[in-house]
Protein backbone atom coordinates (compact mmCIF):
# COMPACT_ATOMS: atom_id res chain seq x y z
CA UNK A 1 0.00 0.00 0.00
CA UNK A 2 1.31 3.47 -0.87
CA UNK A 3 0.76 6.59 1.19
CA UNK A 4 -0.25 9.88 -0.38
CA UNK A 5 3.41 10.87 -0.50
CA UNK A 6 4.06 7.79 -2.67
CA UNK A 7 6.01 5.97 0.03
CA UNK A 8 5.47 2.30 0.74
CA UNK A 9 3.57 1.73 3.97
CA UNK A 10 4.30 -1.47 5.93
CA UNK A 11 4.17 -2.70 9.51
CA UNK A 12 7.20 -5.01 9.71
CA UNK A 13 10.18 -6.58 7.98
CA UNK A 14 10.06 -10.34 7.33
CA UNK A 15 13.02 -12.59 6.66
CA UNK A 16 14.10 -16.21 6.63
CA UNK A 17 17.46 -17.89 6.91
CA UNK A 18 20.90 -16.61 7.77
CA UNK A 19 21.09 -14.34 4.74
CA UNK A 20 17.98 -12.44 5.81
CA UNK A 21 19.14 -12.40 9.43
CA UNK A 22 22.24 -10.47 8.38
CA UNK A 23 20.31 -7.57 6.87
CA UNK A 24 16.76 -7.47 8.23
CA UNK A 25 17.47 -6.55 11.89
CA UNK A 26 19.72 -3.63 10.91
CA UNK A 27 17.14 -2.37 8.43
CA UNK A 28 14.34 -2.80 10.98
CA UNK A 29 16.31 -0.85 13.55
CA UNK A 30 16.96 1.98 11.09
CA UNK A 31 13.29 2.11 10.06
CA UNK A 32 11.96 1.49 13.58
CA UNK A 33 9.96 -1.54 12.49
CA UNK A 34 9.57 -4.96 14.13
CA UNK A 35 10.88 -8.12 12.45
CA UNK A 36 9.11 -11.35 11.57
CA UNK A 37 11.34 -14.41 11.55
CA UNK A 38 10.07 -17.19 9.29
CA UNK A 39 12.05 -20.32 10.03
CA UNK A 40 13.02 -22.60 7.17
CA UNK A 41 12.32 -25.59 9.40
CA UNK A 42 11.83 -26.27 13.06
CA UNK A 43 13.98 -29.42 12.92
CA UNK A 44 17.18 -28.89 14.88
CA UNK A 45 16.00 -25.40 15.79
CA UNK A 46 15.86 -23.90 19.27
CA UNK A 47 12.26 -22.85 18.73
CA UNK A 48 9.12 -24.82 17.88
CA UNK A 49 7.62 -21.72 16.23
CA UNK A 50 7.57 -21.42 12.44
CA UNK A 51 6.95 -17.66 12.59
CA UNK A 52 8.15 -15.42 15.40
CA UNK A 53 7.37 -11.76 15.89
CA UNK A 54 4.38 -9.50 16.51
CA UNK A 55 1.04 -11.21 15.88
CA UNK A 56 -1.00 -8.27 14.61
CA UNK A 57 1.06 -7.46 11.52
CA UNK A 58 -1.06 -6.59 8.47
CA UNK A 59 1.66 -5.75 5.95
CA UNK A 60 5.37 -6.39 5.65
CA UNK A 61 8.29 -6.27 3.29
CA UNK A 62 10.53 -9.26 2.70
CA UNK A 63 14.28 -8.84 3.02
CA UNK A 64 16.65 -11.38 1.49
CA UNK A 65 20.13 -11.26 0.03
CA UNK A 66 19.10 -12.64 -3.36
CA UNK A 67 15.73 -13.14 -5.01
CA UNK A 68 15.77 -15.20 -8.18
CA UNK A 69 13.15 -17.94 -8.22
CA UNK A 70 10.72 -16.47 -5.71
CA UNK A 71 11.06 -19.42 -3.32
CA UNK A 72 11.68 -17.17 -0.30
CA UNK A 73 8.68 -14.99 -1.07
CA UNK A 74 6.44 -18.04 -1.57
CA UNK A 75 7.62 -19.60 1.70
CA UNK A 76 7.03 -16.47 3.75
CA UNK A 77 3.62 -15.79 2.21
CA UNK A 78 2.54 -19.40 2.89
CA UNK A 79 3.05 -18.91 6.62
C-alpha atoms as a PDB file:
ATOM      1  CA  UNK A   1       0.000   0.000   0.000  1.00  0.00           C
ATOM      2  CA  UNK A   2       1.305   3.466  -0.867  1.00  0.00           C
ATOM      3  CA  UNK A   3       0.761   6.587   1.194  1.00  0.00           C
ATOM      4  CA  UNK A   4      -0.255   9.880  -0.385  1.00  0.00           C
ATOM      5  CA  UNK A   5       3.409  10.871  -0.504  1.00  0.00           C
ATOM      6  CA  UNK A   6       4.063   7.793  -2.667  1.00  0.00           C
ATOM      7  CA  UNK A   7       6.011   5.972   0.031  1.00  0.00           C
ATOM      8  CA  UNK A   8       5.473   2.303   0.742  1.00  0.00           C
ATOM      9  CA  UNK A   9       3.570   1.730   3.974  1.00  0.00           C
ATOM     10  CA  UNK A  10       4.296  -1.466   5.926  1.00  0.00           C
ATOM     11  CA  UNK A  11       4.173  -2.699   9.507  1.00  0.00           C
ATOM     12  CA  UNK A  12       7.200  -5.014   9.713  1.00  0.00           C
ATOM     13  CA  UNK A  13      10.178  -6.584   7.982  1.00  0.00           C
ATOM     14  CA  UNK A  14      10.059 -10.344   7.325  1.00  0.00           C
ATOM     15  CA  UNK A  15      13.024 -12.591   6.662  1.00  0.00           C
ATOM     16  CA  UNK A  16      14.100 -16.206   6.635  1.00  0.00           C
ATOM     17  CA  UNK A  17      17.461 -17.888   6.909  1.00  0.00           C
ATOM     18  CA  UNK A  18      20.898 -16.613   7.771  1.00  0.00           C
ATOM     19  CA  UNK A  19      21.094 -14.337   4.742  1.00  0.00           C
ATOM     20  CA  UNK A  20      17.982 -12.441   5.805  1.00  0.00           C
ATOM     21  CA  UNK A  21      19.145 -12.400   9.430  1.00  0.00           C
ATOM     22  CA  UNK A  22      22.240 -10.472   8.383  1.00  0.00           C
ATOM     23  CA  UNK A  23      20.314  -7.567   6.874  1.00  0.00           C
ATOM     24  CA  UNK A  24      16.761  -7.470   8.235  1.00  0.00           C
ATOM     25  CA  UNK A  25      17.470  -6.545  11.888  1.00  0.00           C
ATOM     26  CA  UNK A  26      19.716  -3.626  10.908  1.00  0.00           C
ATOM     27  CA  UNK A  27      17.137  -2.372   8.426  1.00  0.00           C
ATOM     28  CA  UNK A  28      14.339  -2.798  10.975  1.00  0.00           C
ATOM     29  CA  UNK A  29      16.310  -0.851  13.551  1.00  0.00           C
ATOM     30  CA  UNK A  30      16.963   1.975  11.091  1.00  0.00           C
ATOM     31  CA  UNK A  31      13.294   2.106  10.056  1.00  0.00           C
ATOM     32  CA  UNK A  32      11.958   1.490  13.579  1.00  0.00           C
ATOM     33  CA  UNK A  33       9.958  -1.545  12.487  1.00  0.00           C
ATOM     34  CA  UNK A  34       9.571  -4.964  14.125  1.00  0.00           C
ATOM     35  CA  UNK A  35      10.878  -8.115  12.454  1.00  0.00           C
ATOM     36  CA  UNK A  36       9.107 -11.350  11.569  1.00  0.00           C
ATOM     37  CA  UNK A  37      11.337 -14.410  11.546  1.00  0.00           C
ATOM     38  CA  UNK A  38      10.075 -17.191   9.290  1.00  0.00           C
ATOM     39  CA  UNK A  39      12.055 -20.319  10.031  1.00  0.00           C
ATOM     40  CA  UNK A  40      13.015 -22.597   7.170  1.00  0.00           C
ATOM     41  CA  UNK A  41      12.324 -25.589   9.402  1.00  0.00           C
ATOM     42  CA  UNK A  42      11.826 -26.268  13.060  1.00  0.00           C
ATOM     43  CA  UNK A  43      13.980 -29.424  12.917  1.00  0.00           C
ATOM     44  CA  UNK A  44      17.175 -28.886  14.877  1.00  0.00           C
ATOM     45  CA  UNK A  45      16.002 -25.399  15.787  1.00  0.00           C
ATOM     46  CA  UNK A  46      15.862 -23.900  19.267  1.00  0.00           C
ATOM     47  CA  UNK A  47      12.258 -22.852  18.730  1.00  0.00           C
ATOM     48  CA  UNK A  48       9.123 -24.817  17.875  1.00  0.00           C
ATOM     49  CA  UNK A  49       7.617 -21.718  16.232  1.00  0.00           C
ATOM     50  CA  UNK A  50       7.568 -21.418  12.436  1.00  0.00           C
ATOM     51  CA  UNK A  51       6.952 -17.659  12.586  1.00  0.00           C
ATOM     52  CA  UNK A  52       8.153 -15.416  15.397  1.00  0.00           C
ATOM     53  CA  UNK A  53       7.370 -11.764  15.892  1.00  0.00           C
ATOM     54  CA  UNK A  54       4.382  -9.505  16.507  1.00  0.00           C
ATOM     55  CA  UNK A  55       1.043 -11.214  15.877  1.00  0.00           C
ATOM     56  CA  UNK A  56      -0.999  -8.266  14.605  1.00  0.00           C
ATOM     57  CA  UNK A  57       1.055  -7.456  11.516  1.00  0.00           C
ATOM     58  CA  UNK A  58      -1.056  -6.589   8.471  1.00  0.00           C
ATOM     59  CA  UNK A  59       1.656  -5.745   5.954  1.00  0.00           C
ATOM     60  CA  UNK A  60       5.373  -6.394   5.655  1.00  0.00           C
ATOM     61  CA  UNK A  61       8.287  -6.265   3.289  1.00  0.00           C
ATOM     62  CA  UNK A  62      10.528  -9.262   2.701  1.00  0.00           C
ATOM     63  CA  UNK A  63      14.278  -8.838   3.018  1.00  0.00           C
ATOM     64  CA  UNK A  64      16.650 -11.383   1.494  1.00  0.00           C
ATOM     65  CA  UNK A  65      20.128 -11.262   0.030  1.00  0.00           C
ATOM     66  CA  UNK A  66      19.099 -12.636  -3.360  1.00  0.00           C
ATOM     67  CA  UNK A  67      15.731 -13.143  -5.014  1.00  0.00           C
ATOM     68  CA  UNK A  68      15.765 -15.205  -8.180  1.00  0.00           C
ATOM     69  CA  UNK A  69      13.154 -17.940  -8.222  1.00  0.00           C
ATOM     70  CA  UNK A  70      10.719 -16.467  -5.712  1.00  0.00           C
ATOM     71  CA  UNK A  71      11.057 -19.415  -3.316  1.00  0.00           C
ATOM     72  CA  UNK A  72      11.680 -17.166  -0.297  1.00  0.00           C
ATOM     73  CA  UNK A  73       8.677 -14.990  -1.066  1.00  0.00           C
ATOM     74  CA  UNK A  74       6.442 -18.039  -1.566  1.00  0.00           C
ATOM     75  CA  UNK A  75       7.621 -19.604   1.701  1.00  0.00           C
ATOM     76  CA  UNK A  76       7.034 -16.474   3.748  1.00  0.00           C
ATOM     77  CA  UNK A  77       3.617 -15.794   2.206  1.00  0.00           C
ATOM     78  CA  UNK A  78       2.541 -19.396   2.891  1.00  0.00           C
ATOM     79  CA  UNK A  79       3.046 -18.912   6.623  1.00  0.00           C
END
